[in-house]
């Protein structure tokens, strides 16, 4: 019995060797998947089966990806590298993965990403970069991601996100952006406009909560009125920058500084903080204003009506008062005339 078990284990070992299954990994030939998770690996296993479609490398200690790190698995479709220590990705780390559809890089130590990093992934559908320390994403990818439908960057250190980057994902339908350090100034206005259109067209997002400046801290970017944003000031012309650059005195060779007011003026044009503008009236304040205005107008109308009634009454009384003596005089005149007519001789 022991001999049969030994023979069976030897055959399994030989089959794994023939198929090229790496040590500490489990290969599933039926699904062409390789599971190397939770093995304490510090680098990508070098002897992966070339027919691998799914590669699971999560929960290891991999800290960097060299160029052509997955050249042995060109048919790979799903790659999970979550919960590692990745901080350095070579620009050509994913070169050759023409069929990759799902890339999971969550819970690593990534600080930034280069646009060239994803040039070699034309079929990518899901990209998860959440729970890293990413503070910068490229403004564009050079080539659009025609097939990307899920893009997740929540729980990072992002302050800005280029609208051009999102426009290079025409088919994205799920966008996860929360728990970043979003700076809601003029640079984020383009993102706000893009998100409004994205939601209107049926896209799903968890929204953006502002981290700064102080007036908008904790506010939803989509609920801040457009009128409170001003267009970003254009960069100063090169002539102005060169004119204000530190110059050396030709006589003494000392560093001559530009005037202080010029420095302050240049700083003001380059600063993108939200400039103070007249705050639009709150809806409650507007309703209260309308109510108060209506009440005041009603009181004024009542006062005018009372004045009109008083005037009419006064005019009627005055007319009646002045009409009585005339009537009496007329009546007495008639009586006198009648008496005179009666006294005439027949």
Protein backbone atom coordinates (compact mmCIF):
# COMPACT_ATOMS: atom_id res chain seq x y z
CA UNK A 1 0.00 0.00 0.00
CA UNK A 2 2.81 2.35 0.89
CA UNK A 3 4.47 1.57 -2.40
CA UNK A 4 1.34 2.46 -4.34
CA UNK A 5 1.03 5.79 -2.54
CA UNK A 6 4.67 6.53 -3.22
CA UNK A 7 4.21 5.66 -6.87
CA UNK A 8 1.09 7.87 -7.10
CA UNK A 9 2.83 10.83 -5.48
CA UNK A 10 5.80 10.39 -7.80
CA UNK A 11 3.50 10.37 -10.83
CA UNK A 12 1.77 13.56 -9.63
CA UNK A 13 5.15 15.20 -9.10
CA UNK A 14 6.31 14.15 -12.58
CA UNK A 15 3.09 15.41 -14.16
CA UNK A 16 3.47 18.75 -12.44
CA UNK A 17 7.05 18.94 -13.62
CA UNK A 18 6.07 18.04 -17.17
CA UNK A 19 3.33 20.68 -17.16
CA UNK A 20 5.73 23.27 -15.70
CA UNK A 21 3.78 24.02 -12.53
CA UNK A 22 5.91 26.22 -10.24
CA UNK A 23 6.88 25.18 -6.79
CA UNK A 24 4.47 26.36 -4.05
CA UNK A 25 1.74 26.83 -6.66
CA UNK A 26 -1.32 24.80 -7.55
CA UNK A 27 -2.09 24.30 -11.22
CA UNK A 28 -5.58 23.46 -12.47
CA UNK A 29 -5.36 22.11 -15.98
CA UNK A 30 -9.14 22.07 -16.47
CA UNK A 31 -9.37 25.86 -16.12
CA UNK A 32 -5.77 26.70 -17.07
CA UNK A 33 -5.37 28.56 -13.78
CA UNK A 34 -2.39 28.79 -11.46
CA UNK A 35 -2.89 29.63 -7.78
CA UNK A 36 0.26 30.94 -6.07
CA UNK A 37 -1.50 32.96 -3.37
CA UNK A 38 -0.38 33.08 0.28
CA UNK A 39 2.97 31.46 -0.39
CA UNK A 40 5.32 34.23 0.77
CA UNK A 41 6.65 34.78 -2.75
CA UNK A 42 8.99 37.74 -3.30
CA UNK A 43 8.99 37.56 -7.12
CA UNK A 44 7.00 36.17 -10.02
CA UNK A 45 7.56 32.41 -10.42
CA UNK A 46 9.78 31.90 -13.48
CA UNK A 47 8.35 28.58 -14.72
CA UNK A 48 4.67 29.34 -15.25
CA UNK A 49 2.77 27.15 -17.75
CA UNK A 50 2.45 29.04 -21.06
CA UNK A 51 -1.21 28.09 -21.43
CA UNK A 52 -2.17 29.84 -18.15
CA UNK A 53 -5.31 31.96 -18.39
CA UNK A 54 -5.73 32.89 -14.70
CA UNK A 55 -2.82 33.71 -12.39
CA UNK A 56 -3.46 34.31 -8.69
CA UNK A 57 -0.56 35.95 -6.85
CA UNK A 58 -2.41 37.79 -4.07
CA UNK A 59 -1.29 37.83 -0.43
CA UNK A 60 2.44 37.54 -1.10
CA UNK A 61 5.48 39.78 -0.63
CA UNK A 62 6.21 40.81 -4.20
CA UNK A 63 7.64 44.35 -4.16
CA UNK A 64 8.46 45.03 -7.81
CA UNK A 65 7.67 43.91 -11.34
CA UNK A 66 10.53 43.90 -13.86
CA UNK A 67 10.08 44.42 -17.55
CA UNK A 68 8.48 41.48 -19.36
CA UNK A 69 7.55 39.92 -16.02
CA UNK A 70 4.81 37.80 -17.64
CA UNK A 71 6.38 36.96 -20.96
CA UNK A 72 5.93 33.21 -20.28
CA UNK A 73 2.11 33.52 -20.07
CA UNK A 74 1.07 35.48 -23.20
CA UNK A 75 -2.49 34.08 -23.09
CA UNK A 76 -3.17 35.39 -19.59
CA UNK A 77 -6.65 36.91 -19.09
CA UNK A 78 -6.94 37.38 -15.31
CA UNK A 79 -4.09 38.60 -13.10
CA UNK A 80 -4.50 39.15 -9.36
CA UNK A 81 -1.62 40.91 -7.58
CA UNK A 82 -3.58 42.32 -4.65
CA UNK A 83 -2.20 42.58 -1.11
CA UNK A 84 1.47 42.56 -2.00
CA UNK A 85 4.18 45.17 -1.45
CA UNK A 86 4.37 46.50 -4.99
CA UNK A 87 5.93 49.94 -5.17
CA UNK A 88 7.86 49.82 -8.42
CA UNK A 89 6.43 48.75 -11.75
CA UNK A 90 8.69 48.79 -14.77
CA UNK A 91 7.12 50.62 -17.77
CA UNK A 92 7.09 47.33 -19.71
CA UNK A 93 6.05 45.09 -16.84
CA UNK A 94 2.85 43.99 -18.63
CA UNK A 95 4.34 43.87 -22.10
CA UNK A 96 3.06 40.95 -24.11
CA UNK A 97 -0.28 40.54 -22.29
CA UNK A 98 -2.40 41.28 -25.33
CA UNK A 99 -5.32 39.24 -23.96
CA UNK A 100 -5.39 40.44 -20.36
CA UNK A 101 -8.91 41.45 -19.29
CA UNK A 102 -8.80 41.79 -15.49
CA UNK A 103 -5.93 43.36 -13.53
CA UNK A 104 -6.15 43.63 -9.73
CA UNK A 105 -3.48 45.77 -8.03
CA UNK A 106 -5.32 46.64 -4.82
CA UNK A 107 -3.68 46.92 -1.38
CA UNK A 108 -0.16 47.63 -2.53
CA UNK A 109 2.24 50.56 -2.08
CA UNK A 110 2.03 52.18 -5.50
CA UNK A 111 2.76 55.93 -5.54
CA UNK A 112 2.21 56.79 -9.20
CA UNK A 113 1.70 55.16 -12.56
CA UNK A 114 3.21 55.92 -15.95
CA UNK A 115 1.08 56.09 -19.06
CA UNK A 116 3.36 53.59 -20.83
CA UNK A 117 2.54 50.98 -18.21
CA UNK A 118 -0.82 50.14 -19.78
CA UNK A 119 -0.01 50.64 -23.46
CA UNK A 120 0.27 46.88 -23.90
CA UNK A 121 -3.18 45.97 -22.53
CA UNK A 122 -5.66 46.62 -25.37
CA UNK A 123 -8.25 44.10 -24.08
CA UNK A 124 -8.33 45.28 -20.47
CA UNK A 125 -11.88 45.43 -19.06
CA UNK A 126 -11.34 45.86 -15.30
CA UNK A 127 -8.56 47.79 -13.57
CA UNK A 128 -8.56 47.98 -9.77
CA UNK A 129 -5.98 50.34 -8.22
CA UNK A 130 -7.76 50.91 -4.91
CA UNK A 131 -6.09 51.01 -1.49
CA UNK A 132 -2.68 52.25 -2.61
CA UNK A 133 -0.79 55.51 -2.06
CA UNK A 134 -1.27 56.84 -5.57
CA UNK A 135 -1.08 60.63 -5.67
CA UNK A 136 -0.76 61.08 -9.42
CA UNK A 137 -2.26 59.50 -12.50
CA UNK A 138 -1.20 60.35 -16.06
CA UNK A 139 -3.27 62.91 -17.94
CA UNK A 140 -3.66 60.56 -20.87
CA UNK A 141 -2.82 57.03 -21.89
CA UNK A 142 -1.68 57.82 -25.39
CA UNK A 143 -4.18 55.28 -26.74
CA UNK A 144 -7.80 54.95 -25.56
CA UNK A 145 -8.96 51.99 -23.51
CA UNK A 146 -11.76 50.94 -25.81
CA UNK A 147 -12.82 47.95 -23.68
CA UNK A 148 -12.39 49.21 -20.11
CA UNK A 149 -15.67 49.09 -18.18
CA UNK A 150 -14.51 49.18 -14.52
CA UNK A 151 -12.00 51.68 -13.14
CA UNK A 152 -11.39 51.82 -9.37
CA UNK A 153 -9.02 54.24 -7.61
CA UNK A 154 -10.72 54.69 -4.24
CA UNK A 155 -8.68 54.94 -1.02
CA UNK A 156 -5.61 56.64 -2.50
CA UNK A 157 -3.99 60.08 -2.20
CA UNK A 158 -5.41 61.64 -5.35
CA UNK A 159 -6.17 65.36 -5.40
CA UNK A 160 -6.89 65.76 -9.11
CA UNK A 161 -8.00 63.52 -11.95
CA UNK A 162 -7.62 64.53 -15.54
CA UNK A 163 -10.77 64.73 -17.60
CA UNK A 164 -8.71 63.62 -20.64
CA UNK A 165 -7.86 60.40 -18.83
CA UNK A 166 -11.53 59.56 -18.28
CA UNK A 167 -12.41 60.52 -21.84
CA UNK A 168 -9.97 57.85 -23.01
CA UNK A 169 -12.32 55.25 -21.45
CA UNK A 170 -15.41 55.56 -23.68
CA UNK A 171 -17.03 52.35 -22.39
CA UNK A 172 -16.44 52.69 -18.66
CA UNK A 173 -19.62 52.08 -16.65
CA UNK A 174 -18.36 51.74 -13.05
CA UNK A 175 -16.10 54.41 -11.58
CA UNK A 176 -14.98 54.23 -7.92
CA UNK A 177 -13.36 57.44 -6.62
CA UNK A 178 -14.17 57.88 -2.93
CA UNK A 179 -11.75 58.26 0.00
CA UNK A 180 -9.14 60.39 -1.72
CA UNK A 181 -7.77 63.86 -0.95
CA UNK A 182 -9.79 65.63 -3.63
CA UNK A 183 -8.95 69.32 -3.93
CA UNK A 184 -12.17 70.94 -5.16
CA UNK A 185 -10.73 73.96 -6.94
CA UNK A 186 -10.82 75.10 -10.54
CA UNK A 187 -8.83 72.07 -11.70
CA UNK A 188 -11.66 69.75 -10.66
CA UNK A 189 -14.37 71.60 -12.57
CA UNK A 190 -13.70 69.57 -15.73
CA UNK A 191 -14.06 66.35 -13.73
CA UNK A 192 -17.35 67.59 -12.25
CA UNK A 193 -18.77 68.29 -15.71
CA UNK A 194 -17.61 64.90 -16.98
CA UNK A 195 -19.18 63.07 -14.01
CA UNK A 196 -22.51 64.82 -14.53
CA UNK A 197 -22.58 63.65 -18.14
CA UNK A 198 -21.37 60.19 -17.09
CA UNK A 199 -24.22 59.76 -14.59
CA UNK A 200 -26.77 61.15 -17.02
CA UNK A 201 -25.75 58.49 -19.55
CA UNK A 202 -26.25 55.68 -17.03
CA UNK A 203 -22.80 55.39 -15.48
CA UNK A 204 -22.36 54.39 -11.83
CA UNK A 205 -19.97 56.15 -9.45
CA UNK A 206 -19.57 56.45 -5.69
CA UNK A 207 -18.95 60.19 -6.03
CA UNK A 208 -16.25 62.58 -4.87
CA UNK A 209 -16.14 64.08 -1.39
CA UNK A 210 -13.95 67.19 -1.20
CA UNK A 211 -10.95 67.13 1.12
CA UNK A 212 -10.04 70.79 0.54
CA UNK A 213 -10.32 73.78 0.55
CA UNK A 214 -11.98 74.35 3.90
CA UNK A 215 -15.30 75.77 2.58
CA UNK A 216 -15.94 72.55 0.65
CA UNK A 217 -14.41 70.01 3.02
CA UNK A 218 -16.78 67.06 3.33
CA UNK A 219 -19.04 68.32 0.53
CA UNK A 220 -20.09 66.27 -2.48
CA UNK A 221 -18.42 67.67 -5.59
CA UNK A 222 -21.55 67.12 -7.66
CA UNK A 223 -23.64 69.27 -5.28
CA UNK A 224 -21.41 72.35 -5.47
CA UNK A 225 -22.95 74.88 -7.93
CA UNK A 226 -21.02 75.62 -11.10
CA UNK A 227 -21.25 79.33 -10.38
CA UNK A 228 -18.86 78.98 -7.45
CA UNK A 229 -16.08 77.83 -9.77
CA UNK A 230 -14.01 80.17 -11.86
CA UNK A 231 -11.98 79.04 -14.86
CA UNK A 232 -8.37 78.39 -14.03
CA UNK A 233 -6.22 81.42 -14.89
CA UNK A 234 -4.02 80.86 -17.93
CA UNK A 235 -0.33 80.26 -17.24
CA UNK A 236 1.81 83.37 -17.47
CA UNK A 237 3.51 83.91 -20.85
CA UNK A 238 7.14 82.78 -21.11
CA UNK A 239 8.24 86.38 -21.59
CA UNK A 240 6.78 87.36 -18.22
CA UNK A 241 8.37 84.37 -16.48
CA UNK A 242 11.76 85.08 -18.02
CA UNK A 243 11.45 88.77 -17.18
CA UNK A 244 10.67 87.95 -13.57
CA UNK A 245 13.38 85.31 -13.26
CA UNK A 246 16.27 86.17 -10.90
CA UNK A 247 18.91 88.19 -12.74
CA UNK A 248 22.57 88.83 -11.91
CA UNK A 249 23.85 92.36 -11.69
CA UNK A 250 26.41 93.04 -14.40
CA UNK A 251 28.44 95.31 -12.15
CA UNK A 252 28.61 93.50 -8.82
CA UNK A 253 27.67 89.99 -9.83
CA UNK A 254 25.03 89.90 -7.11
CA UNK A 255 21.71 88.17 -7.42
CA UNK A 256 19.05 90.74 -8.18
CA UNK A 257 15.54 89.80 -7.09
CA UNK A 258 12.45 90.96 -8.91
CA UNK A 259 10.17 93.41 -7.13
CA UNK A 260 8.06 91.90 -4.42
CA UNK A 261 4.79 93.07 -5.94
CA UNK A 262 5.67 91.25 -9.17
CA UNK A 263 6.25 88.05 -7.25
CA UNK A 264 2.97 88.40 -5.46
CA UNK A 265 1.12 89.10 -8.68
CA UNK A 266 2.59 86.03 -10.36
CA UNK A 267 1.69 83.92 -7.35
CA UNK A 268 -1.88 85.15 -7.46
CA UNK A 269 -2.31 84.22 -11.14
CA UNK A 270 -0.94 80.73 -10.61
CA UNK A 271 -2.98 80.02 -7.49
CA UNK A 272 -6.09 77.99 -8.20
CA UNK A 273 -7.91 78.34 -4.93
CA UNK A 274 -11.57 79.23 -5.22
CA UNK A 275 -11.84 83.01 -5.29
CA UNK A 276 -14.51 84.65 -3.14
CA UNK A 277 -17.71 85.26 -5.02
CA UNK A 278 -21.12 86.45 -3.91
CA UNK A 279 -22.74 83.42 -2.40
CA UNK A 280 -26.05 82.52 -4.02
CA UNK A 281 -29.03 82.70 -1.70
CA UNK A 282 -30.00 79.54 -0.03
CA UNK A 283 -33.37 78.07 -0.99
CA UNK A 284 -34.67 78.57 2.53
CA UNK A 285 -33.49 82.16 2.56
CA UNK A 286 -35.10 82.74 -0.82
CA UNK A 287 -38.45 81.35 0.38
CA UNK A 288 -38.26 83.45 3.54
CA UNK A 289 -37.48 86.54 1.46
CA UNK A 290 -40.47 85.89 -0.79
CA UNK A 291 -42.78 85.40 2.21
CA UNK A 292 -41.56 88.56 3.94
CA UNK A 293 -41.86 90.54 0.72
CA UNK A 294 -45.42 89.27 0.25
CA UNK A 295 -46.38 90.22 3.80
CA UNK A 296 -44.90 93.70 3.42
CA UNK A 297 -46.65 94.18 0.09
CA UNK A 298 -49.94 93.02 1.65
CA UNK A 299 -49.58 95.46 4.53
CA UNK A 300 -48.80 98.29 2.12
CA UNK A 301 -51.84 97.39 0.02
CA UNK A 302 -54.07 97.35 3.11
CA UNK A 303 -52.71 100.71 4.17
CA UNK A 304 -53.35 102.13 0.71
CA UNK A 305 -56.90 100.71 0.76
CA UNK A 306 -57.52 102.18 4.20
CA UNK A 307 -56.21 105.53 3.00
CA UNK A 308 -58.47 105.39 -0.05
CA UNK A 309 -61.53 104.56 2.09
CA UNK A 310 -60.64 107.31 4.50
CA UNK A 311 -60.23 109.80 1.67
CA UNK A 312 -63.54 108.86 0.07
CA UNK A 313 -65.34 109.05 3.41
CA UNK A 314 -63.80 112.43 4.20
CA UNK A 315 -64.69 113.74 0.76
CA UNK A 316 -68.30 112.56 1.14
CA UNK A 317 -68.68 114.13 4.58
CA UNK A 318 -67.14 117.38 3.37
CA UNK A 319 -69.41 117.49 0.36
CA UNK A 320 -72.45 116.81 2.52
CA UNK A 321 -71.42 119.48 4.98
CA UNK A 322 -70.97 122.13 2.29
CA UNK A 323 -74.22 121.12 0.50
CA UNK A 324 -76.64 121.84 3.40
CA UNK A 325 -76.38 125.70 3.50
CA UNK A 326 -76.90 125.91 -0.24
CA UNK A 327 -80.00 123.77 0.00
CA UNK A 328 -81.36 125.96 2.81
CA UNK A 329 -80.63 129.17 0.89
CA UNK A 330 -82.32 127.80 -2.18
CA UNK A 331 -85.38 126.75 -0.22
CA UNK A 332 -85.65 130.12 1.50
CA UNK A 333 -85.30 131.83 -1.85
CA UNK A 334 -88.15 129.80 -3.22
CA UNK A 335 -90.31 130.59 -0.19
CA UNK A 336 -89.56 134.32 -0.46
CA UNK A 337 -90.44 134.37 -4.11
CA UNK A 338 -93.72 132.62 -3.43
CA UNK A 339 -94.67 135.14 -0.76
CA UNK A 340 -93.79 138.01 -3.03
CA UNK A 341 -95.92 136.54 -5.78
CA UNK A 342 -98.84 136.16 -3.39
CA UNK A 343 -98.62 139.78 -2.23
CA UNK A 344 -98.89 141.17 -5.72
CA UNK A 345 -102.26 142.92 -6.40
CA UNK A 346 -104.66 140.94 -8.44
